[in-house]
Amino acid sequence: MLATEEAEIKEGYKRAVLRSGDGGMSTVRSRFWDDIRGIEGWPEEYDGRGIVNQSWTDHESGMEVGENKRLYDEKVKEGDEGWERTTGYAGTGVGLISELKPAGEVVEEVRKGMVEALRRATDRVKQLEE
């Protein structure tokens, strides 16, 4: 529901979700996202998946975490304009999102898709029983 008209997230976050394309390639699972935001207290085995951005690219290029966090904190102050460095948590499903829609429309699309999938599964089971 990140890319719905009603989502109460920054517009820059919504734009990042819409730009993501292939979620398997445009998101990365790493503790880095918590580190850059200064989030502490999670057990080591838990991490987040975030949309690849300049902070991640700099991290991968070897930038020291403290410097990266300093740049991150500067961009956070810019709000939507600083989104190229700020964390946007998102799963690999972001690649399925191509436009902003009302939440009700998204729910209805999911419901229709589920009904159709169940119908096909039921038809297949009936075929196997024959």
C-alpha atoms as a PDB file:
ATOM      1  CA  MET A   1       0.000   0.000   0.000  1.00  0.00           C
ATOM      2  CA  LEU A   2       3.040   2.289  -0.205  1.00  0.00           C
ATOM      3  CA  ALA A   3       2.029   3.603  -3.620  1.00  0.00           C
ATOM      4  CA  THR A   4      -1.566   4.498  -2.862  1.00  0.00           C
ATOM      5  CA  GLU A   5      -2.984   7.972  -2.819  1.00  0.00           C
ATOM      6  CA  GLU A   6      -3.848   7.550   0.864  1.00  0.00           C
ATOM      7  CA  ALA A   7      -0.437   6.309   2.036  1.00  0.00           C
ATOM      8  CA  GLU A   8       0.897   8.706   4.646  1.00  0.00           C
ATOM      9  CA  ILE A   9       4.500   8.618   3.469  1.00  0.00           C
ATOM     10  CA  LYS A  10       6.650  11.262   1.833  1.00  0.00           C
ATOM     11  CA  GLU A  11       6.027  11.856  -1.865  1.00  0.00           C
ATOM     12  CA  GLY A  12       9.706  11.116  -2.513  1.00  0.00           C
ATOM     13  CA  TYR A  13       9.209   7.650  -1.010  1.00  0.00           C
ATOM     14  CA  LYS A  14       6.232   7.055  -3.316  1.00  0.00           C
ATOM     15  CA  ARG A  15       8.268   8.192  -6.341  1.00  0.00           C
ATOM     16  CA  ALA A  16      11.117   5.856  -5.355  1.00  0.00           C
ATOM     17  CA  VAL A  17       8.670   2.931  -5.183  1.00  0.00           C
ATOM     18  CA  LEU A  18       7.258   3.778  -8.614  1.00  0.00           C
ATOM     19  CA  ARG A  19      10.759   4.042 -10.145  1.00  0.00           C
ATOM     20  CA  SER A  20      11.963   0.757  -8.692  1.00  0.00           C
ATOM     21  CA  GLY A  21      11.223  -1.567 -11.601  1.00  0.00           C
ATOM     22  CA  ASP A  22      12.506  -5.079 -10.929  1.00  0.00           C
ATOM     23  CA  GLY A  23      12.308  -5.367  -7.145  1.00  0.00           C
ATOM     24  CA  GLY A  24      14.861  -8.173  -7.105  1.00  0.00           C
ATOM     25  CA  MET A  25      17.410  -5.827  -8.647  1.00  0.00           C
ATOM     26  CA  SER A  26      16.324  -2.476  -7.227  1.00  0.00           C
ATOM     27  CA  THR A  27      16.134  -3.511  -3.567  1.00  0.00           C
ATOM     28  CA  VAL A  28      18.765  -4.937  -1.231  1.00  0.00           C
ATOM     29  CA  ARG A  29      18.391  -6.740   2.076  1.00  0.00           C
ATOM     30  CA  SER A  30      20.953  -5.471   4.573  1.00  0.00           C
ATOM     31  CA  ARG A  31      21.470  -4.137   8.097  1.00  0.00           C
ATOM     32  CA  PHE A  32      22.912  -1.088   6.371  1.00  0.00           C
ATOM     33  CA  TRP A  33      19.458   0.498   6.172  1.00  0.00           C
ATOM     34  CA  ASP A  34      19.107   0.456   9.958  1.00  0.00           C
ATOM     35  CA  ASP A  35      22.711   1.555  10.474  1.00  0.00           C
ATOM     36  CA  ILE A  36      22.339   4.600   8.231  1.00  0.00           C
ATOM     37  CA  ARG A  37      19.143   5.608  10.046  1.00  0.00           C
ATOM     38  CA  GLY A  38      20.674   5.061  13.480  1.00  0.00           C
ATOM     39  CA  ILE A  39      18.204   2.311  14.384  1.00  0.00           C
ATOM     40  CA  GLU A  40      19.581   0.028  17.077  1.00  0.00           C
ATOM     41  CA  GLY A  41      18.397  -2.878  19.163  1.00  0.00           C
ATOM     42  CA  TRP A  42      17.444  -5.451  16.560  1.00  0.00           C
ATOM     43  CA  PRO A  43      19.127  -8.859  16.823  1.00  0.00           C
ATOM     44  CA  GLU A  44      21.892  -9.284  14.242  1.00  0.00           C
ATOM     45  CA  GLU A  45      19.926 -11.830  12.208  1.00  0.00           C
ATOM     46  CA  TYR A  46      17.204  -9.290  11.377  1.00  0.00           C
ATOM     47  CA  ASP A  47      17.686  -6.790   8.604  1.00  0.00           C
ATOM     48  CA  GLY A  48      15.575  -4.715   6.261  1.00  0.00           C
ATOM     49  CA  ARG A  49      15.105  -4.525   2.517  1.00  0.00           C
ATOM     50  CA  GLY A  50      15.504  -1.073   1.049  1.00  0.00           C
ATOM     51  CA  ILE A  51      15.379   0.565  -2.356  1.00  0.00           C
ATOM     52  CA  VAL A  52      18.868   0.966  -3.819  1.00  0.00           C
ATOM     53  CA  ASN A  53      19.909   4.619  -3.748  1.00  0.00           C
ATOM     54  CA  GLN A  54      23.028   6.804  -3.559  1.00  0.00           C
ATOM     55  CA  SER A  55      23.657   5.896   0.085  1.00  0.00           C
ATOM     56  CA  TRP A  56      23.741   2.194  -0.826  1.00  0.00           C
ATOM     57  CA  THR A  57      25.939   2.809  -3.881  1.00  0.00           C
ATOM     58  CA  ASP A  58      28.411   4.762  -1.744  1.00  0.00           C
ATOM     59  CA  HIS A  59      28.332   2.016   0.909  1.00  0.00           C
ATOM     60  CA  GLU A  60      29.121  -0.608  -1.725  1.00  0.00           C
ATOM     61  CA  SER A  61      31.964   1.580  -3.018  1.00  0.00           C
ATOM     62  CA  GLY A  62      33.543   1.562   0.441  1.00  0.00           C
ATOM     63  CA  MET A  63      32.387   4.848   1.948  1.00  0.00           C
ATOM     64  CA  GLU A  64      32.789   4.830   5.736  1.00  0.00           C
ATOM     65  CA  VAL A  65      29.436   4.436   7.501  1.00  0.00           C
ATOM     66  CA  GLY A  66      29.902   7.605   9.578  1.00  0.00           C
ATOM     67  CA  GLU A  67      30.443   9.761   6.482  1.00  0.00           C
ATOM     68  CA  ASN A  68      27.544   8.088   4.704  1.00  0.00           C
ATOM     69  CA  LYS A  69      25.297   8.728   7.722  1.00  0.00           C
ATOM     70  CA  ARG A  70      26.368  12.385   7.823  1.00  0.00           C
ATOM     71  CA  LEU A  71      25.353  12.801   4.159  1.00  0.00           C
ATOM     72  CA  TYR A  72      22.150  10.865   4.837  1.00  0.00           C
ATOM     73  CA  ASP A  73      21.241  13.128   7.773  1.00  0.00           C
ATOM     74  CA  GLU A  74      21.796  16.225   5.600  1.00  0.00           C
ATOM     75  CA  LYS A  75      19.431  14.888   2.935  1.00  0.00           C
ATOM     76  CA  VAL A  76      16.759  13.918   5.477  1.00  0.00           C
ATOM     77  CA  LYS A  77      16.464  17.640   6.279  1.00  0.00           C
ATOM     78  CA  GLU A  78      15.586  18.288   2.618  1.00  0.00           C
ATOM     79  CA  GLY A  79      12.476  16.108   2.797  1.00  0.00           C
ATOM     80  CA  ASP A  80      11.262  14.916  -0.598  1.00  0.00           C
ATOM     81  CA  GLU A  81      14.137  16.607  -2.387  1.00  0.00           C
ATOM     82  CA  GLY A  82      16.700  14.516  -0.517  1.00  0.00           C
ATOM     83  CA  TRP A  83      15.178  11.170  -1.287  1.00  0.00           C
ATOM     84  CA  GLU A  84      18.120   9.920  -3.350  1.00  0.00           C
ATOM     85  CA  ARG A  85      19.956   9.189  -0.077  1.00  0.00           C
ATOM     86  CA  THR A  86      17.198   8.405   2.397  1.00  0.00           C
ATOM     87  CA  THR A  87      15.947   4.927   3.237  1.00  0.00           C
ATOM     88  CA  GLY A  88      12.863   3.565   1.552  1.00  0.00           C
ATOM     89  CA  TYR A  89      12.030   0.166   2.973  1.00  0.00           C
ATOM     90  CA  ALA A  90      10.338  -2.001   0.341  1.00  0.00           C
ATOM     91  CA  GLY A  91      10.080  -5.633  -0.626  1.00  0.00           C
ATOM     92  CA  THR A  92      10.837  -7.192  -3.969  1.00  0.00           C
ATOM     93  CA  GLY A  93       7.191  -6.725  -4.956  1.00  0.00           C
ATOM     94  CA  VAL A  94       7.811  -3.023  -5.640  1.00  0.00           C
ATOM     95  CA  GLY A  95       8.486  -3.970  -9.245  1.00  0.00           C
ATOM     96  CA  LEU A  96       4.809  -4.808  -9.630  1.00  0.00           C
ATOM     97  CA  ILE A  97       3.775  -1.227  -8.871  1.00  0.00           C
ATOM     98  CA  SER A  98       3.596   1.110 -11.847  1.00  0.00           C
ATOM     99  CA  GLU A  99       1.192   3.841 -10.777  1.00  0.00           C
ATOM    100  CA  LEU A 100      -0.402   5.528  -7.775  1.00  0.00           C
ATOM    101  CA  LYS A 101      -3.943   4.316  -7.187  1.00  0.00           C
ATOM    102  CA  PRO A 102      -6.593   4.723  -4.517  1.00  0.00           C
ATOM    103  CA  ALA A 103      -6.210   2.066  -1.804  1.00  0.00           C
ATOM    104  CA  GLY A 104      -9.727   0.761  -2.470  1.00  0.00           C
ATOM    105  CA  GLU A 105      -8.837   0.090  -6.097  1.00  0.00           C
ATOM    106  CA  VAL A 106      -5.718  -1.841  -5.053  1.00  0.00           C
ATOM    107  CA  VAL A 107      -7.752  -3.943  -2.605  1.00  0.00           C
ATOM    108  CA  GLU A 108     -10.353  -4.685  -5.293  1.00  0.00           C
ATOM    109  CA  GLU A 109      -7.663  -5.715  -7.810  1.00  0.00           C
ATOM    110  CA  VAL A 110      -6.106  -8.064  -5.256  1.00  0.00           C
ATOM    111  CA  ARG A 111      -9.518  -9.508  -4.384  1.00  0.00           C
ATOM    112  CA  LYS A 112     -10.367 -10.135  -8.052  1.00  0.00           C
ATOM    113  CA  GLY A 113      -6.966 -11.725  -8.629  1.00  0.00           C
ATOM    114  CA  MET A 114      -7.435 -14.010  -5.648  1.00  0.00           C
ATOM    115  CA  VAL A 115     -10.913 -15.075  -6.770  1.00  0.00           C
ATOM    116  CA  GLU A 116      -9.571 -15.868 -10.252  1.00  0.00           C
ATOM    117  CA  ALA A 117      -6.613 -17.839  -8.854  1.00  0.00           C
ATOM    118  CA  LEU A 118      -8.937 -19.864  -6.627  1.00  0.00           C
ATOM    119  CA  ARG A 119     -11.255 -20.530  -9.572  1.00  0.00           C
ATOM    120  CA  ARG A 120      -8.357 -21.821 -11.685  1.00  0.00           C
ATOM    121  CA  ALA A 121      -7.091 -23.973  -8.821  1.00  0.00           C
ATOM    122  CA  THR A 122     -10.568 -25.418  -8.288  1.00  0.00           C
ATOM    123  CA  ASP A 123     -10.897 -26.181 -12.006  1.00  0.00           C
ATOM    124  CA  ARG A 124      -7.517 -27.910 -11.981  1.00  0.00           C
ATOM    125  CA  VAL A 125      -8.429 -30.061  -8.963  1.00  0.00           C
ATOM    126  CA  LYS A 126     -11.678 -31.054 -10.706  1.00  0.00           C
ATOM    127  CA  GLN A 127      -9.688 -32.064 -13.818  1.00  0.00           C
ATOM    128  CA  LEU A 128      -7.363 -34.212 -11.737  1.00  0.00           C
ATOM    129  CA  GLU A 129     -10.308 -35.945 -10.075  1.00  0.00           C
ATOM    130  CA  GLU A 130     -11.850 -36.948 -13.426  1.00  0.00           C
END
